[in-house]
N, C-alpha and C. Protein backbone atom coordinates (compact mmCIF):
# COMPACT_ATOMS: atom_id res chain seq x y z
N MET A 1 0.67 -1.12 0.04
CA MET A 1 -0.04 -0.25 0.41
C MET A 1 1.21 1.45 0.12
N ALA A 2 0.16 2.28 -0.54
CA ALA A 2 1.58 3.51 -0.54
C ALA A 2 1.30 4.52 0.48
N THR A 3 2.09 4.57 0.78
CA THR A 3 1.89 6.10 1.47
C THR A 3 1.67 7.34 1.22
N GLU A 4 1.85 7.60 0.14
CA GLU A 4 1.63 9.10 -0.12
C GLU A 4 0.43 8.50 -1.54
N ILE A 5 -0.15 9.63 -1.72
CA ILE A 5 -1.23 10.17 -3.00
C ILE A 5 -0.80 11.44 -3.32
N ALA A 6 -0.55 11.84 -4.89
CA ALA A 6 0.02 12.66 -5.20
C ALA A 6 -1.62 14.11 -5.00
N ALA A 7 -1.04 14.99 -5.20
CA ALA A 7 -2.41 16.15 -5.02
C ALA A 7 -3.87 15.50 -6.04
N CYS A 8 -3.24 16.12 -6.78
CA CYS A 8 -4.33 15.73 -8.20
C CYS A 8 -5.31 15.09 -8.02
N ASP A 9 -4.38 14.05 -7.05
CA ASP A 9 -5.24 12.93 -7.85
C ASP A 9 -6.36 12.85 -6.47
N LEU A 10 -5.96 13.38 -5.26
CA LEU A 10 -6.95 13.84 -4.03
C LEU A 10 -7.90 14.81 -4.54
N LEU A 11 -7.64 15.56 -5.06
CA LEU A 11 -8.63 16.93 -5.33
C LEU A 11 -9.36 15.97 -6.79
N ALA A 12 -9.44 15.27 -6.92
CA ALA A 12 -10.15 15.34 -8.51
C ALA A 12 -11.18 13.66 -7.76
N GLY A 13 -10.85 13.08 -6.53
CA GLY A 13 -11.90 12.45 -6.17
C GLY A 13 -12.65 13.47 -5.07
N CYS A 14 -12.51 14.31 -4.56
CA CYS A 14 -13.53 14.79 -4.49
C CYS A 14 -14.37 15.65 -4.33
N ALA A 15 -15.86 16.41 -3.87
CA ALA A 15 -16.97 16.61 -4.75
C ALA A 15 -17.49 17.97 -4.06
N LEU A 16 -15.46 18.17 -3.76
CA LEU A 16 -16.30 19.60 -3.39
C LEU A 16 -16.11 20.54 -4.55
N PRO A 17 -16.30 21.26 -4.67
CA PRO A 17 -15.76 22.52 -5.79
C PRO A 17 -13.81 22.86 -5.69
N PRO A 18 -13.59 23.19 -6.65
CA PRO A 18 -12.30 22.72 -7.05
C PRO A 18 -11.93 23.92 -5.83
N ARG A 19 -11.96 25.14 -5.62
CA ARG A 19 -10.80 26.16 -5.19
C ARG A 19 -11.12 25.47 -3.47
N GLU A 20 -12.24 25.60 -3.50
CA GLU A 20 -12.77 24.87 -2.02
C GLU A 20 -11.81 24.03 -1.75
N ALA A 21 -11.55 22.34 -2.52
CA ALA A 21 -11.14 21.83 -2.26
C ALA A 21 -9.30 21.79 -1.78
N ARG A 22 -9.04 22.32 -2.44
CA ARG A 22 -7.47 23.24 -2.32
C ARG A 22 -7.31 24.41 -1.62
N ALA A 23 -8.41 24.91 -0.98
CA ALA A 23 -8.05 25.49 0.02
C ALA A 23 -8.32 24.65 1.17
N LEU A 24 -9.31 23.94 1.49
CA LEU A 24 -8.99 22.59 2.19
C LEU A 24 -7.26 21.17 2.41
N LEU A 25 -6.90 21.50 1.22
CA LEU A 25 -5.91 20.63 1.17
C LEU A 25 -4.81 21.73 1.36
N ALA A 26 -4.09 23.18 0.67
CA ALA A 26 -3.40 23.46 1.57
C ALA A 26 -3.37 24.19 3.08
N HIS A 27 -4.27 23.90 3.36
CA HIS A 27 -4.68 24.39 4.63
C HIS A 27 -4.26 22.65 6.03
N VAL A 28 -4.79 21.59 5.02
CA VAL A 28 -3.90 20.55 6.22
C VAL A 28 -2.03 20.28 5.80
N LEU A 29 -2.05 20.95 4.63
CA LEU A 29 -0.37 21.15 4.17
C LEU A 29 0.62 22.07 4.69
N GLY A 30 -0.14 23.05 5.38
CA GLY A 30 0.25 24.03 5.75
C GLY A 30 0.75 25.03 4.16
N THR A 31 0.28 25.07 3.40
CA THR A 31 0.99 25.53 2.43
C THR A 31 -0.38 26.16 1.41
N THR A 32 -0.47 26.86 0.54
CA THR A 32 -1.08 27.97 -0.21
C THR A 32 -2.02 27.30 -1.86
N ARG A 33 -2.49 27.75 -1.92
CA ARG A 33 -3.79 27.09 -2.96
C ARG A 33 -2.64 27.31 -4.45
N GLU A 34 -2.14 27.92 -3.92
CA GLU A 34 -1.12 28.37 -5.25
C GLU A 34 -0.02 27.77 -5.98
N ALA A 35 0.44 27.09 -4.57
CA ALA A 35 1.75 26.49 -4.75
C ALA A 35 1.11 24.92 -5.11
N LEU A 36 -0.04 24.59 -4.58
CA LEU A 36 -0.92 23.58 -5.40
C LEU A 36 -1.48 22.84 -6.44
N VAL A 37 -1.57 24.23 -7.02
CA VAL A 37 -1.70 24.52 -8.45
C VAL A 37 -0.08 24.55 -9.23
N ALA A 38 0.65 24.91 -8.16
CA ALA A 38 1.92 24.50 -9.22
C ALA A 38 2.71 23.35 -9.16
N ARG A 39 2.54 22.42 -8.11
CA ARG A 39 3.12 20.97 -7.73
C ARG A 39 1.99 20.40 -7.62
N PRO A 40 0.95 20.11 -8.57
CA PRO A 40 -0.69 19.10 -9.20
C PRO A 40 0.30 17.57 -8.35
N GLN A 41 1.53 17.56 -8.52
CA GLN A 41 2.09 16.12 -8.36
C GLN A 41 1.86 16.18 -6.13
N TRP A 42 1.93 17.06 -6.10
CA TRP A 42 2.52 17.37 -4.76
C TRP A 42 2.12 15.84 -3.65
N ALA A 43 3.39 15.55 -3.31
CA ALA A 43 3.05 13.85 -2.69
C ALA A 43 2.67 14.21 -1.04
N VAL A 44 1.16 13.79 -1.18
CA VAL A 44 0.76 13.84 0.56
C VAL A 44 0.77 12.53 0.94
N GLN A 45 1.47 13.08 1.68
CA GLN A 45 0.63 11.88 3.22
C GLN A 45 -0.52 10.89 3.08
N ARG A 46 -0.50 10.13 3.53
CA ARG A 46 -1.82 9.36 4.44
C ARG A 46 -2.50 10.09 5.10
N SER A 47 -1.82 10.18 5.87
CA SER A 47 -2.20 10.49 7.54
C SER A 47 -3.05 12.34 6.57
N ALA A 48 -2.14 12.85 5.83
CA ALA A 48 -2.64 14.34 5.71
C ALA A 48 -3.81 14.00 4.78
N ALA A 49 -4.04 13.08 3.81
CA ALA A 49 -5.39 12.57 3.04
C ALA A 49 -6.04 12.33 3.67
N ALA A 50 -6.22 11.99 4.78
CA ALA A 50 -7.09 11.13 5.92
C ALA A 50 -7.73 12.47 6.49
N ALA A 51 -7.23 13.52 6.80
CA ALA A 51 -7.60 14.75 8.04
C ALA A 51 -8.53 15.42 6.26
N PHE A 52 -7.52 15.97 5.22
CA PHE A 52 -8.10 16.25 4.41
C PHE A 52 -9.49 15.87 3.78
N GLU A 53 -9.46 14.37 4.04
CA GLU A 53 -11.16 14.01 3.72
C GLU A 53 -12.18 14.10 4.67
N ARG A 54 -11.64 14.26 5.78
CA ARG A 54 -12.47 14.56 6.99
C ARG A 54 -13.12 15.45 6.48
N LEU A 55 -12.41 16.38 6.89
CA LEU A 55 -12.57 17.91 6.62
C LEU A 55 -13.45 17.83 5.07
N ALA A 56 -13.40 17.44 4.51
CA ALA A 56 -13.98 17.44 2.78
C ALA A 56 -15.12 16.82 3.19
N GLN A 57 -14.92 15.70 3.90
CA GLN A 57 -16.47 15.18 4.35
C GLN A 57 -17.69 16.14 5.20
N ARG A 58 -16.99 16.83 6.30
CA ARG A 58 -17.65 17.69 6.87
C ARG A 58 -18.33 18.46 6.25
N ARG A 59 -17.29 19.10 5.19
CA ARG A 59 -17.49 20.46 4.10
C ARG A 59 -19.17 20.29 3.35
N ARG A 60 -18.71 19.02 2.88
CA ARG A 60 -19.87 18.64 2.61
C ARG A 60 -21.40 18.54 2.59
N GLY A 61 -21.05 18.50 3.97
CA GLY A 61 -22.68 18.08 5.55
C GLY A 61 -22.68 18.87 5.80
N ALA A 62 -22.25 20.42 5.65
CA ALA A 62 -22.58 22.00 5.86
C ALA A 62 -23.56 21.94 4.79
N GLN A 63 -24.66 22.25 4.45
CA GLN A 63 -25.50 22.64 3.36
C GLN A 63 -25.49 24.36 4.01
N PRO A 64 -25.84 25.54 2.83
CA PRO A 64 -26.22 26.51 3.38
C PRO A 64 -27.71 26.86 4.63
N ASP A 65 -28.61 25.48 4.29
CA ASP A 65 -29.72 25.94 5.46
C ASP A 65 -29.36 25.13 6.71
N GLU A 66 -28.38 24.49 7.05
CA GLU A 66 -28.09 23.74 7.79
C GLU A 66 -26.79 24.50 8.37
N ALA A 67 -26.07 24.88 7.61
CA ALA A 67 -24.84 26.05 8.65
C ALA A 67 -25.83 27.12 9.34
N ARG A 68 -26.90 27.70 9.13
CA ARG A 68 -27.50 28.83 10.20
C ARG A 68 -28.56 28.12 11.17
N PRO A 69 -28.15 28.55 11.94
CA PRO A 69 -29.90 27.91 13.27
C PRO A 69 -31.10 28.16 12.68
N GLN A 70 -31.21 27.00 12.85
CA GLN A 70 -33.16 26.91 12.41
C GLN A 70 -33.64 28.00 13.59
N GLN A 71 -35.02 28.17 12.94
CA GLN A 71 -36.31 29.49 13.60
C GLN A 71 -36.19 29.19 15.01
N GLY A 72 -35.77 29.60 15.79
CA GLY A 72 -36.23 28.95 17.37
C GLY A 72 -34.63 28.17 18.41
N GLN A 73 -34.20 27.83 17.57
CA GLN A 73 -32.56 27.04 18.29
C GLN A 73 -32.00 28.23 18.78
N ASP A 74 -31.79 29.29 17.88
CA ASP A 74 -30.60 30.26 18.85
C ASP A 74 -31.29 31.43 19.56
N GLN A 75 -32.37 30.92 19.90
CA GLN A 75 -33.12 31.75 20.53
C GLN A 75 -32.35 32.78 22.29
N HIS A 76 -32.26 31.40 22.29
CA HIS A 76 -31.32 32.07 24.10
C HIS A 76 -30.21 33.26 23.58
N HIS A 77 -30.01 33.15 22.40
CA HIS A 77 -28.51 34.62 21.97
C HIS A 77 -29.10 35.82 21.48
N ARG A 78 -30.30 35.83 21.36
CA ARG A 78 -31.24 36.64 20.66
C ARG A 78 -31.62 37.95 21.94
N GLY A 79 -31.37 39.32 21.86
CA GLY A 79 -31.69 40.12 22.64
C GLY A 79 -30.67 40.05 23.80
N ARG A 80 -29.68 39.34 23.96
CA ARG A 80 -28.65 39.90 24.77
C ARG A 80 -27.80 40.85 24.97
N ARG A 81 -27.66 41.83 23.65
CA ARG A 81 -27.37 42.81 23.41
C ARG A 81 -28.09 43.93 24.43
N ASP A 82 -29.03 43.61 24.40
CA ASP A 82 -30.61 44.79 24.96
C ASP A 82 -30.56 44.50 26.43
N ARG A 83 -30.37 43.38 27.18
CA ARG A 83 -31.05 43.43 28.71
C ARG A 83 -28.77 43.39 29.30
N ASP A 84 -29.03 43.89 30.31
CA ASP A 84 -28.01 44.35 31.25
C ASP A 84 -27.40 43.04 32.38
N ALA A 85 -26.89 43.00 33.20
CA ALA A 85 -26.19 41.60 33.53
C ALA A 85 -26.97 41.07 34.64
N HIS A 86 -28.40 42.00 34.72
CA HIS A 86 -29.45 40.63 35.79
C HIS A 86 -30.32 40.18 34.84
N GLY A 87 -30.27 40.79 33.51
CA GLY A 87 -31.16 40.50 32.83
C GLY A 87 -32.61 41.09 32.73
N GLU A 88 -32.21 42.81 32.45
CA GLU A 88 -33.24 43.26 32.64
C GLU A 88 -33.05 43.96 31.13
N ALA A 89 -34.16 44.80 30.78
CA ALA A 89 -33.89 45.32 29.60
C ALA A 89 -33.70 47.25 29.81
N PRO A 90 -33.23 47.94 29.07
CA PRO A 90 -32.86 48.97 29.73
C PRO A 90 -33.86 49.70 29.76
N ALA A 91 -34.10 51.15 30.64
CA ALA A 91 -35.14 51.35 30.65
C ALA A 91 -34.81 52.45 29.37
N ARG A 92 -36.08 52.97 28.22
CA ARG A 92 -36.13 53.28 27.27
C ARG A 92 -36.12 55.00 27.75
N GLN A 93 -35.75 55.47 26.44
CA GLN A 93 -36.12 56.86 27.16
C GLN A 93 -36.59 57.86 25.65
N ALA A 94 -37.44 57.90 25.99
CA ALA A 94 -38.89 58.76 25.21
C ALA A 94 -37.71 59.18 23.75
N HIS A 95 -38.16 59.30 23.32
CA HIS A 95 -37.50 60.41 21.78
C HIS A 95 -38.24 61.85 21.69
N VAL A 96 -37.79 62.62 21.72
CA VAL A 96 -37.92 64.29 21.94
C VAL A 96 -37.83 64.70 20.78
N SER A 97 -38.74 64.72 19.77
CA SER A 97 -38.55 65.94 18.58
C SER A 97 -38.75 67.07 19.03
N GLY A 98 -38.00 68.15 18.13
CA GLY A 98 -38.63 69.53 18.50
C GLY A 98 -37.16 69.74 19.04
N ALA A 99 -37.38 71.03 19.83
CA ALA A 99 -36.50 71.85 20.79
C ALA A 99 -36.49 71.31 21.78
N ALA A 100 -34.71 71.44 22.05
CA ALA A 100 -34.16 70.58 23.40
C ALA A 100 -34.79 71.11 24.73
N SER A 101 -35.33 70.88 26.14
CA SER A 101 -35.89 70.84 26.55
C SER A 101 -34.92 71.87 27.73
N ARG A 102 -35.78 73.05 28.19
CA ARG A 102 -34.72 73.95 28.95
C ARG A 102 -34.49 74.18 30.14
């Protein structure tokens, strides 16, 4: 069993868009996307290939609708900036239009 696989072969077998796949592989290898384009035969160790495949699988699993919290899932975070340390809403100041008070 080979201990290395060419980067181009690894990328070709990935179901992600090419740019995304290169970005993930570059991250795993500690290099840049441009370096992978310049050296398509880059020898990738099996351990790095496995790490890339795990990341790619995770990325494929996160569809746009799944990446965002569903209605009601993130309710405990909403309004947090409108509360003080005790959970109380700050007193609202009445909006005064017209001339400033004298």
